[in-house]
Amino acid sequence: MQPIERLKKLNTKENLWIYILILLKKNPLYAWEIPSLIEKEFGFRPGNITPYRVLYRLEGESLVKSNLKDRRRTYHITEKGLKELNQVKTFYKDIINKL
């Protein structure tokens, strides 16, 4: 695998939580919506199960919260999740400035 391919993988599929938080910042979502929205918005498609695992972990870390309504679970970003997303933005801006 070429270095750029590894970089893309590390910054997409292996950091899926960033993309999920970005989407949840815009609107609350059902977990099943996330793979297709990531593909549409960011140009790659995660596995169908992976977003569920990531959401479970994010909820455990209080970065997202879920609500059950009519037997359907929606997820939304928390204040802590917004702060984490801002830290990500700062981190990437610093890297870009150094490039």
PDB file of N, CA and C in Angstrom:
ATOM      1  N   MET A   1       0.850  -1.176   0.000  1.00  0.00           N
ATOM      2  CA  MET A   1       0.000   0.000   0.000  1.00  0.00           C
ATOM      3  C   MET A   1       0.900   1.245   0.000  1.00  0.00           C
ATOM      4  N   GLN A   2       0.586   2.165  -0.855  1.00  0.00           N
ATOM      5  CA  GLN A   2       1.342   3.400  -0.966  1.00  0.00           C
ATOM      6  C   GLN A   2       1.080   4.293   0.253  1.00  0.00           C
ATOM      7  N   PRO A   3       2.035   5.163   0.594  1.00  0.00           N
ATOM      8  CA  PRO A   3       1.850   6.036   1.766  1.00  0.00           C
ATOM      9  C   PRO A   3       0.568   6.864   1.714  1.00  0.00           C
ATOM     10  N   ILE A   4       0.223   7.412   0.561  1.00  0.00           N
ATOM     11  CA  ILE A   4      -0.996   8.224   0.472  1.00  0.00           C
ATOM     12  C   ILE A   4      -2.232   7.377   0.706  1.00  0.00           C
ATOM     13  N   GLU A   5      -2.208   6.130   0.257  1.00  0.00           N
ATOM     14  CA  GLU A   5      -3.347   5.231   0.487  1.00  0.00           C
ATOM     15  C   GLU A   5      -3.498   4.925   1.971  1.00  0.00           C
ATOM     16  N   ARG A   6      -2.377   4.703   2.671  1.00  0.00           N
ATOM     17  CA  ARG A   6      -2.424   4.471   4.118  1.00  0.00           C
ATOM     18  C   ARG A   6      -2.960   5.704   4.833  1.00  0.00           C
ATOM     19  N   LEU A   7      -2.508   6.881   4.409  1.00  0.00           N
ATOM     20  CA  LEU A   7      -2.968   8.130   5.015  1.00  0.00           C
ATOM     21  C   LEU A   7      -4.473   8.298   4.841  1.00  0.00           C
ATOM     22  N   LYS A   8      -4.956   8.030   3.637  1.00  0.00           N
ATOM     23  CA  LYS A   8      -6.399   8.140   3.391  1.00  0.00           C
ATOM     24  C   LYS A   8      -7.182   7.166   4.254  1.00  0.00           C
ATOM     25  N   LYS A   9      -6.696   5.937   4.373  1.00  0.00           N
ATOM     26  CA  LYS A   9      -7.386   4.937   5.190  1.00  0.00           C
ATOM     27  C   LYS A   9      -7.407   5.355   6.655  1.00  0.00           C
ATOM     28  N   LEU A  10      -6.270   5.830   7.146  1.00  0.00           N
ATOM     29  CA  LEU A  10      -6.197   6.262   8.542  1.00  0.00           C
ATOM     30  C   LEU A  10      -7.102   7.457   8.815  1.00  0.00           C
ATOM     31  N   ASN A  11      -7.292   8.301   7.815  1.00  0.00           N
ATOM     32  CA  ASN A  11      -8.091   9.503   8.010  1.00  0.00           C
ATOM     33  C   ASN A  11      -9.534   9.356   7.557  1.00  0.00           C
ATOM     34  N   THR A  12      -9.922   8.162   7.168  1.00  0.00           N
ATOM     35  CA  THR A  12     -11.325   7.929   6.807  1.00  0.00           C
ATOM     36  C   THR A  12     -11.871   6.782   7.648  1.00  0.00           C
ATOM     37  N   LYS A  13     -11.739   5.566   7.172  1.00  0.00           N
ATOM     38  CA  LYS A  13     -12.356   4.417   7.828  1.00  0.00           C
ATOM     39  C   LYS A  13     -11.869   4.187   9.250  1.00  0.00           C
ATOM     40  N   GLU A  14     -10.605   4.465   9.512  1.00  0.00           N
ATOM     41  CA  GLU A  14     -10.086   4.212  10.849  1.00  0.00           C
ATOM     42  C   GLU A  14     -10.374   5.343  11.821  1.00  0.00           C
ATOM     43  N   ASN A  15     -10.920   6.426  11.346  1.00  0.00           N
ATOM     44  CA  ASN A  15     -11.355   7.527  12.197  1.00  0.00           C
ATOM     45  C   ASN A  15     -12.797   7.903  11.863  1.00  0.00           C
ATOM     46  N   LEU A  16     -13.595   6.889  11.722  1.00  0.00           N
ATOM     47  CA  LEU A  16     -15.000   7.065  11.338  1.00  0.00           C
ATOM     48  C   LEU A  16     -15.759   7.961  12.305  1.00  0.00           C
ATOM     49  N   TRP A  17     -15.351   7.954  13.558  1.00  0.00           N
ATOM     50  CA  TRP A  17     -16.039   8.740  14.576  1.00  0.00           C
ATOM     51  C   TRP A  17     -16.082  10.222  14.210  1.00  0.00           C
ATOM     52  N   ILE A  18     -15.034  10.725  13.556  1.00  0.00           N
ATOM     53  CA  ILE A  18     -15.005  12.142  13.169  1.00  0.00           C
ATOM     54  C   ILE A  18     -16.142  12.435  12.190  1.00  0.00           C
ATOM     55  N   TYR A  19     -16.303  11.582  11.198  1.00  0.00           N
ATOM     56  CA  TYR A  19     -17.323  11.785  10.173  1.00  0.00           C
ATOM     57  C   TYR A  19     -18.728  11.641  10.749  1.00  0.00           C
ATOM     58  N   ILE A  20     -18.876  10.728  11.690  1.00  0.00           N
ATOM     59  CA  ILE A  20     -20.179  10.564  12.341  1.00  0.00           C
ATOM     60  C   ILE A  20     -20.520  11.810  13.144  1.00  0.00           C
ATOM     61  N   LEU A  21     -19.563  12.356  13.884  1.00  0.00           N
ATOM     62  CA  LEU A  21     -19.827  13.581  14.648  1.00  0.00           C
ATOM     63  C   LEU A  21     -20.150  14.752  13.728  1.00  0.00           C
ATOM     64  N   ILE A  22     -19.458  14.846  12.589  1.00  0.00           N
ATOM     65  CA  ILE A  22     -19.748  15.922  11.638  1.00  0.00           C
ATOM     66  C   ILE A  22     -21.195  15.826  11.155  1.00  0.00           C
ATOM     67  N   LEU A  23     -21.632  14.618  10.807  1.00  0.00           N
ATOM     68  CA  LEU A  23     -23.007  14.435  10.343  1.00  0.00           C
ATOM     69  C   LEU A  23     -24.016  14.741  11.444  1.00  0.00           C
ATOM     70  N   LEU A  24     -23.719  14.290  12.656  1.00  0.00           N
ATOM     71  CA  LEU A  24     -24.644  14.516  13.768  1.00  0.00           C
ATOM     72  C   LEU A  24     -24.685  15.981  14.189  1.00  0.00           C
ATOM     73  N   LYS A  25     -23.646  16.718  13.880  1.00  0.00           N
ATOM     74  CA  LYS A  25     -23.651  18.161  14.160  1.00  0.00           C
ATOM     75  C   LYS A  25     -24.728  18.852  13.330  1.00  0.00           C
ATOM     76  N   LYS A  26     -24.957  18.332  12.134  1.00  0.00           N
ATOM     77  CA  LYS A  26     -25.962  18.921  11.244  1.00  0.00           C
ATOM     78  C   LYS A  26     -27.379  18.533  11.640  1.00  0.00           C
ATOM     79  N   ASN A  27     -27.593  17.232  11.944  1.00  0.00           N
ATOM     80  CA  ASN A  27     -28.933  16.718  12.236  1.00  0.00           C
ATOM     81  C   ASN A  27     -28.841  15.442  13.063  1.00  0.00           C
ATOM     82  N   PRO A  28     -29.839  15.192  13.899  1.00  0.00           N
ATOM     83  CA  PRO A  28     -29.928  13.859  14.517  1.00  0.00           C
ATOM     84  C   PRO A  28     -30.174  12.825  13.418  1.00  0.00           C
ATOM     85  N   LEU A  29     -29.639  11.615  13.606  1.00  0.00           N
ATOM     86  CA  LEU A  29     -29.750  10.587  12.580  1.00  0.00           C
ATOM     87  C   LEU A  29     -30.045   9.224  13.178  1.00  0.00           C
ATOM     88  N   TYR A  30     -30.601   8.360  12.341  1.00  0.00           N
ATOM     89  CA  TYR A  30     -30.694   6.941  12.658  1.00  0.00           C
ATOM     90  C   TYR A  30     -29.375   6.303  12.238  1.00  0.00           C
ATOM     91  N   ALA A  31     -28.958   5.283  12.943  1.00  0.00           N
ATOM     92  CA  ALA A  31     -27.683   4.630  12.631  1.00  0.00           C
ATOM     93  C   ALA A  31     -27.645   4.098  11.198  1.00  0.00           C
ATOM     94  N   TRP A  32     -28.770   3.562  10.726  1.00  0.00           N
ATOM     95  CA  TRP A  32     -28.779   2.965   9.388  1.00  0.00           C
ATOM     96  C   TRP A  32     -28.573   3.997   8.280  1.00  0.00           C
ATOM     97  N   GLU A  33     -28.790   5.281   8.573  1.00  0.00           N
ATOM     98  CA  GLU A  33     -28.604   6.335   7.573  1.00  0.00           C
ATOM     99  C   GLU A  33     -27.132   6.689   7.362  1.00  0.00           C
ATOM    100  N   ILE A  34     -26.318   6.417   8.352  1.00  0.00           N
ATOM    101  CA  ILE A  34     -24.960   6.931   8.376  1.00  0.00           C
ATOM    102  C   ILE A  34     -24.072   6.425   7.241  1.00  0.00           C
ATOM    103  N   PRO A  35     -24.019   5.117   6.939  1.00  0.00           N
ATOM    104  CA  PRO A  35     -23.118   4.686   5.855  1.00  0.00           C
ATOM    105  C   PRO A  35     -23.371   5.389   4.519  1.00  0.00           C
ATOM    106  N   SER A  36     -24.628   5.514   4.128  1.00  0.00           N
ATOM    107  CA  SER A  36     -24.902   6.149   2.838  1.00  0.00           C
ATOM    108  C   SER A  36     -24.625   7.652   2.877  1.00  0.00           C
ATOM    109  N   LEU A  37     -24.865   8.298   4.017  1.00  0.00           N
ATOM    110  CA  LEU A  37     -24.560   9.728   4.123  1.00  0.00           C
ATOM    111  C   LEU A  37     -23.050   9.977   4.086  1.00  0.00           C
ATOM    112  N   ILE A  38     -22.284   9.104   4.716  1.00  0.00           N
ATOM    113  CA  ILE A  38     -20.828   9.242   4.665  1.00  0.00           C
ATOM    114  C   ILE A  38     -20.342   9.087   3.226  1.00  0.00           C
ATOM    115  N   GLU A  39     -20.893   8.120   2.524  1.00  0.00           N
ATOM    116  CA  GLU A  39     -20.509   7.930   1.126  1.00  0.00           C
ATOM    117  C   GLU A  39     -20.862   9.167   0.299  1.00  0.00           C
ATOM    118  N   LYS A  40     -22.045   9.698   0.505  1.00  0.00           N
ATOM    119  CA  LYS A  40     -22.498  10.861  -0.256  1.00  0.00           C
ATOM    120  C   LYS A  40     -21.678  12.116   0.082  1.00  0.00           C
ATOM    121  N   GLU A  41     -21.451  12.362   1.371  1.00  0.00           N
ATOM    122  CA  GLU A  41     -20.780  13.579   1.813  1.00  0.00           C
ATOM    123  C   GLU A  41     -19.262  13.530   1.690  1.00  0.00           C
ATOM    124  N   PHE A  42     -18.668  12.336   1.951  1.00  0.00           N
ATOM    125  CA  PHE A  42     -17.219  12.265   2.084  1.00  0.00           C
ATOM    126  C   PHE A  42     -16.531  11.337   1.090  1.00  0.00           C
ATOM    127  N   GLY A  43     -17.292  10.607   0.287  1.00  0.00           N
ATOM    128  CA  GLY A  43     -16.711   9.838  -0.799  1.00  0.00           C
ATOM    129  C   GLY A  43     -16.143   8.474  -0.452  1.00  0.00           C
ATOM    130  N   PHE A  44     -16.480   7.932   0.700  1.00  0.00           N
ATOM    131  CA  PHE A  44     -16.102   6.557   1.023  1.00  0.00           C
ATOM    132  C   PHE A  44     -17.249   5.920   1.788  1.00  0.00           C
ATOM    133  N   ARG A  45     -17.320   4.611   1.731  1.00  0.00           N
ATOM    134  CA  ARG A  45     -18.428   3.917   2.393  1.00  0.00           C
ATOM    135  C   ARG A  45     -17.881   2.973   3.463  1.00  0.00           C
ATOM    136  N   PRO A  46     -18.272   3.218   4.712  1.00  0.00           N
ATOM    137  CA  PRO A  46     -17.880   2.296   5.773  1.00  0.00           C
ATOM    138  C   PRO A  46     -18.726   1.035   5.705  1.00  0.00           C
ATOM    139  N   GLY A  47     -18.315   0.013   6.418  1.00  0.00           N
ATOM    140  CA  GLY A  47     -19.136  -1.192   6.500  1.00  0.00           C
ATOM    141  C   GLY A  47     -20.482  -0.890   7.131  1.00  0.00           C
ATOM    142  N   ASN A  48     -21.431  -1.775   6.934  1.00  0.00           N
ATOM    143  CA  ASN A  48     -22.781  -1.536   7.463  1.00  0.00           C
ATOM    144  C   ASN A  48     -22.863  -1.643   8.985  1.00  0.00           C
ATOM    145  N   ILE A  49     -22.022  -2.466   9.585  1.00  0.00           N
ATOM    146  CA  ILE A  49     -22.056  -2.674  11.029  1.00  0.00           C
ATOM    147  C   ILE A  49     -21.172  -1.679  11.766  1.00  0.00           C
ATOM    148  N   THR A  50     -20.100  -1.254  11.151  1.00  0.00           N
ATOM    149  CA  THR A  50     -19.115  -0.397  11.811  1.00  0.00           C
ATOM    150  C   THR A  50     -19.721   0.854  12.442  1.00  0.00           C
ATOM    151  N   PRO A  51     -20.602   1.596  11.767  1.00  0.00           N
ATOM    152  CA  PRO A  51     -21.167   2.781  12.414  1.00  0.00           C
ATOM    153  C   PRO A  51     -21.896   2.465  13.725  1.00  0.00           C
ATOM    154  N   TYR A  52     -22.542   1.309  13.811  1.00  0.00           N
ATOM    155  CA  TYR A  52     -23.224   0.935  15.047  1.00  0.00           C
ATOM    156  C   TYR A  52     -22.213   0.777  16.180  1.00  0.00           C
ATOM    157  N   ARG A  53     -21.091   0.130  15.889  1.00  0.00           N
ATOM    158  CA  ARG A  53     -20.053  -0.063  16.898  1.00  0.00           C
ATOM    159  C   ARG A  53     -19.465   1.272  17.321  1.00  0.00           C
ATOM    160  N   VAL A  54     -19.243   2.155  16.356  1.00  0.00           N
ATOM    161  CA  VAL A  54     -18.681   3.471  16.655  1.00  0.00           C
ATOM    162  C   VAL A  54     -19.673   4.295  17.473  1.00  0.00           C
ATOM    163  N   LEU A  55     -20.932   4.268  17.107  1.00  0.00           N
ATOM    164  CA  LEU A  55     -21.952   4.998  17.864  1.00  0.00           C
ATOM    165  C   LEU A  55     -22.040   4.501  19.307  1.00  0.00           C
ATOM    166  N   TYR A  56     -21.950   3.203  19.482  1.00  0.00           N
ATOM    167  CA  TYR A  56     -21.990   2.622  20.825  1.00  0.00           C
ATOM    168  C   TYR A  56     -20.827   3.160  21.662  1.00  0.00           C
ATOM    169  N   ARG A  57     -19.647   3.188  21.078  1.00  0.00           N
ATOM    170  CA  ARG A  57     -18.474   3.705  21.778  1.00  0.00           C
ATOM    171  C   ARG A  57     -18.606   5.209  22.049  1.00  0.00           C
ATOM    172  N   LEU A  58     -19.081   5.969  21.048  1.00  0.00           N
ATOM    173  CA  LEU A  58     -19.260   7.411  21.223  1.00  0.00           C
ATOM    174  C   LEU A  58     -20.274   7.713  22.321  1.00  0.00           C
ATOM    175  N   GLU A  59     -21.318   6.911  22.390  1.00  0.00           N
ATOM    176  CA  GLU A  59     -22.320   7.118  23.434  1.00  0.00           C
ATOM    177  C   GLU A  59     -21.719   6.798  24.807  1.00  0.00           C
ATOM    178  N   GLY A  60     -20.895   5.756  24.872  1.00  0.00           N
ATOM    179  CA  GLY A  60     -20.226   5.412  26.120  1.00  0.00           C
ATOM    180  C   GLY A  60     -19.286   6.509  26.604  1.00  0.00           C
ATOM    181  N   GLU A  61     -18.735   7.269  25.670  1.00  0.00           N
ATOM    182  CA  GLU A  61     -17.833   8.373  25.989  1.00  0.00           C
ATOM    183  C   GLU A  61     -18.587   9.700  26.132  1.00  0.00           C
ATOM    184  N   SER A  62     -19.908   9.660  26.051  1.00  0.00           N
ATOM    185  CA  SER A  62     -20.785  10.832  26.176  1.00  0.00           C
ATOM    186  C   SER A  62     -20.570  11.868  25.074  1.00  0.00           C
ATOM    187  N   LEU A  63     -20.108  11.423  23.919  1.00  0.00           N
ATOM    188  CA  LEU A  63     -19.947  12.322  22.776  1.00  0.00           C
ATOM    189  C   LEU A  63     -21.222  12.399  21.946  1.00  0.00           C
ATOM    190  N   VAL A  64     -22.034  11.367  22.023  1.00  0.00           N
ATOM    191  CA  VAL A  64     -23.364  11.362  21.405  1.00  0.00           C
ATOM    192  C   VAL A  64     -24.360  10.818  22.425  1.00  0.00           C
ATOM    193  N   LYS A  65     -25.598  11.097  22.156  1.00  0.00           N
ATOM    194  CA  LYS A  65     -26.679  10.587  22.996  1.00  0.00           C
ATOM    195  C   LYS A  65     -27.757  10.050  22.072  1.00  0.00           C
ATOM    196  N   SER A  66     -28.445   9.012  22.517  1.00  0.00           N
ATOM    197  CA  SER A  66     -29.504   8.448  21.687  1.00  0.00           C
ATOM    198  C   SER A  66     -30.847   8.573  22.391  1.00  0.00           C
ATOM    199  N   ASN A  67     -31.870   8.611  21.586  1.00  0.00           N
ATOM    200  CA  ASN A  67     -33.252   8.644  22.074  1.00  0.00           C
ATOM    201  C   ASN A  67     -34.042   7.579  21.331  1.00  0.00           C
ATOM    202  N   LEU A  68     -34.849   6.871  22.056  1.00  0.00           N
ATOM    203  CA  LEU A  68     -35.698   5.858  21.452  1.00  0.00           C
ATOM    204  C   LEU A  68     -37.089   6.450  21.273  1.00  0.00           C
ATOM    205  N   LYS A  69     -37.543   6.466  20.030  1.00  0.00           N
ATOM    206  CA  LYS A  69     -38.854   7.022  19.716  1.00  0.00           C
ATOM    207  C   LYS A  69     -39.513   6.113  18.695  1.00  0.00           C
ATOM    208  N   ASP A  70     -40.669   5.624  19.021  1.00  0.00           N
ATOM    209  CA  ASP A  70     -41.401   4.722  18.125  1.00  0.00           C
ATOM    210  C   ASP A  70     -40.527   3.534  17.695  1.00  0.00           C
ATOM    211  N   ARG A  71     -39.833   2.956  18.653  1.00  0.00           N
ATOM    212  CA  ARG A  71     -38.970   1.795  18.442  1.00  0.00           C
ATOM    213  C   ARG A  71     -37.804   2.070  17.503  1.00  0.00           C
ATOM    214  N   ARG A  72     -37.486   3.328  17.306  1.00  0.00           N
ATOM    215  CA  ARG A  72     -36.352   3.705  16.465  1.00  0.00           C
ATOM    216  C   ARG A  72     -35.430   4.606  17.283  1.00  0.00           C
ATOM    217  N   ARG A  73     -34.151   4.329  17.199  1.00  0.00           N
ATOM    218  CA  ARG A  73     -33.161   5.069  17.974  1.00  0.00           C
ATOM    219  C   ARG A  73     -32.515   6.137  17.097  1.00  0.00           C
ATOM    220  N   THR A  74     -32.598   7.379  17.563  1.00  0.00           N
ATOM    221  CA  THR A  74     -31.916   8.473  16.879  1.00  0.00           C
ATOM    222  C   THR A  74     -30.732   8.916  17.727  1.00  0.00           C
ATOM    223  N   TYR A  75     -29.711   9.381  17.051  1.00  0.00           N
ATOM    224  CA  TYR A  75     -28.499   9.829  17.716  1.00  0.00           C
ATOM    225  C   TYR A  75     -28.289  11.312  17.445  1.00  0.00           C
ATOM    226  N   HIS A  76     -27.795  12.012  18.445  1.00  0.00           N
ATOM    227  CA  HIS A  76     -27.424  13.416  18.268  1.00  0.00           C
ATOM    228  C   HIS A  76     -26.135  13.690  19.037  1.00  0.00           C
ATOM    229  N   ILE A  77     -25.433  14.707  18.605  1.00  0.00           N
ATOM    230  CA  ILE A  77     -24.153  15.060  19.213  1.00  0.00           C
ATOM    231  C   ILE A  77     -24.413  15.808  20.521  1.00  0.00           C
ATOM    232  N   THR A  78     -23.544  15.598  21.491  1.00  0.00           N
ATOM    233  CA  THR A  78     -23.651  16.294  22.774  1.00  0.00           C
ATOM    234  C   THR A  78     -22.705  17.495  22.776  1.00  0.00           C
ATOM    235  N   GLU A  79     -22.782  18.284  23.815  1.00  0.00           N
ATOM    236  CA  GLU A  79     -21.866  19.410  23.970  1.00  0.00           C
ATOM    237  C   GLU A  79     -20.416  18.907  24.026  1.00  0.00           C
ATOM    238  N   LYS A  80     -20.203  17.817  24.714  1.00  0.00           N
ATOM    239  CA  LYS A  80     -18.867  17.212  24.791  1.00  0.00           C
ATOM    240  C   LYS A  80     -18.404  16.767  23.401  1.00  0.00           C
ATOM    241  N   GLY A  81     -19.320  16.237  22.603  1.00  0.00           N
ATOM    242  CA  GLY A  81     -18.995  15.834  21.240  1.00  0.00           C
ATOM    243  C   GLY A  81     -18.613  17.022  20.370  1.00  0.00           C
ATOM    244  N   LEU A  82     -19.311  18.136  20.549  1.00  0.00           N
ATOM    245  CA  LEU A  82     -18.978  19.354  19.802  1.00  0.00           C
ATOM    246  C   LEU A  82     -17.585  19.856  20.167  1.00  0.00           C
ATOM    247  N   LYS A  83     -17.256  19.795  21.449  1.00  0.00           N
ATOM    248  CA  LYS A  83     -15.917  20.219  21.879  1.00  0.00           C
ATOM    249  C   LYS A  83     -14.846  19.315  21.284  1.00  0.00           C
ATOM    250  N   GLU A  84     -15.113  18.022  21.262  1.00  0.00           N
ATOM    251  CA  GLU A  84     -14.158  17.070  20.685  1.00  0.00           C
ATOM    252  C   GLU A  84     -13.973  17.343  19.195  1.00  0.00           C
ATOM    253  N   LEU A  85     -15.059  17.643  18.503  1.00  0.00           N
ATOM    254  CA  LEU A  85     -14.989  17.943  17.073  1.00  0.00           C
ATOM    255  C   LEU A  85     -14.177  19.213  16.824  1.00  0.00           C
ATOM    256  N   ASN A  86     -14.322  20.197  17.685  1.00  0.00           N
ATOM    257  CA  ASN A  86     -13.522  21.420  17.554  1.00  0.00           C
ATOM    258  C   ASN A  86     -12.039  21.141  17.773  1.00  0.00           C
ATOM    259  N   GLN A  87     -11.718  20.227  18.681  1.00  0.00           N
ATOM    260  CA  GLN A  87     -10.325  19.844  18.886  1.00  0.00           C
ATOM    261  C   GLN A  87      -9.754  19.160  17.648  1.00  0.00           C
ATOM    262  N   VAL A  88     -10.584  18.344  17.000  1.00  0.00           N
ATOM    263  CA  VAL A  88     -10.166  17.682  15.755  1.00  0.00           C
ATOM    264  C   VAL A  88      -9.860  18.738  14.697  1.00  0.00           C
ATOM    265  N   LYS A  89     -10.738  19.713  14.582  1.00  0.00           N
ATOM    266  CA  LYS A  89     -10.560  20.772  13.588  1.00  0.00           C
ATOM    267  C   LYS A  89      -9.252  21.521  13.843  1.00  0.00           C
ATOM    268  N   THR A  90      -8.986  21.853  15.083  1.00  0.00           N
ATOM    269  CA  THR A  90      -7.742  22.541  15.439  1.00  0.00           C
ATOM    270  C   THR A  90      -6.528  21.680  15.119  1.00  0.00           C
ATOM    271  N   PHE A  91      -6.605  20.403  15.431  1.00  0.00           N
ATOM    272  CA  PHE A  91      -5.513  19.469  15.158  1.00  0.00           C
ATOM    273  C   PHE A  91      -5.188  19.440  13.667  1.00  0.00           C
ATOM    274  N   TYR A  92      -6.207  19.286  12.823  1.00  0.00           N
ATOM    275  CA  TYR A  92      -5.975  19.222  11.379  1.00  0.00           C
ATOM    276  C   TYR A  92      -5.499  20.562  10.816  1.00  0.00           C
ATOM    277  N   LYS A  93      -6.018  21.664  11.343  1.00  0.00           N
ATOM    278  CA  LYS A  93      -5.555  22.973  10.882  1.00  0.00           C
ATOM    279  C   LYS A  93      -4.075  23.159  11.188  1.00  0.00           C
ATOM    280  N   ASP A  94      -3.653  22.728  12.377  1.00  0.00           N
ATOM    281  CA  ASP A  94      -2.239  22.841  12.741  1.00  0.00           C
ATOM    282  C   ASP A  94      -1.368  22.030  11.791  1.00  0.00           C
ATOM    283  N   ILE A  95      -1.797  20.831  11.465  1.00  0.00           N
ATOM    284  CA  ILE A  95      -1.035  19.987  10.533  1.00  0.00           C
ATOM    285  C   ILE A  95      -0.959  20.652   9.162  1.00  0.00           C
ATOM    286  N   ILE A  96      -2.077  21.155   8.676  1.00  0.00           N
ATOM    287  CA  ILE A  96      -2.102  21.796   7.352  1.00  0.00           C
ATOM    288  C   ILE A  96      -1.196  23.020   7.334  1.00  0.00           C
ATOM    289  N   ASN A  97      -1.230  23.799   8.391  1.00  0.00           N
ATOM    290  CA  ASN A  97      -0.356  24.981   8.456  1.00  0.00           C
ATOM    291  C   ASN A  97       1.110  24.587   8.436  1.00  0.00           C
ATOM    292  N   LYS A  98       1.454  23.467   9.017  1.00  0.00           N
ATOM    293  CA  LYS A  98       2.850  23.011   9.028  1.00  0.00           C
ATOM    294  C   LYS A  98       3.275  22.447   7.683  1.00  0.00           C
ATOM    295  N   LEU A  99       2.307  21.975   6.905  1.00  0.00           N
ATOM    296  CA  LEU A  99       2.627  21.471   5.565  1.00  0.00           C
ATOM    297  C   LEU A  99       3.014  22.632   4.648  1.00  0.00           C
TER     298      LEU A  99
END
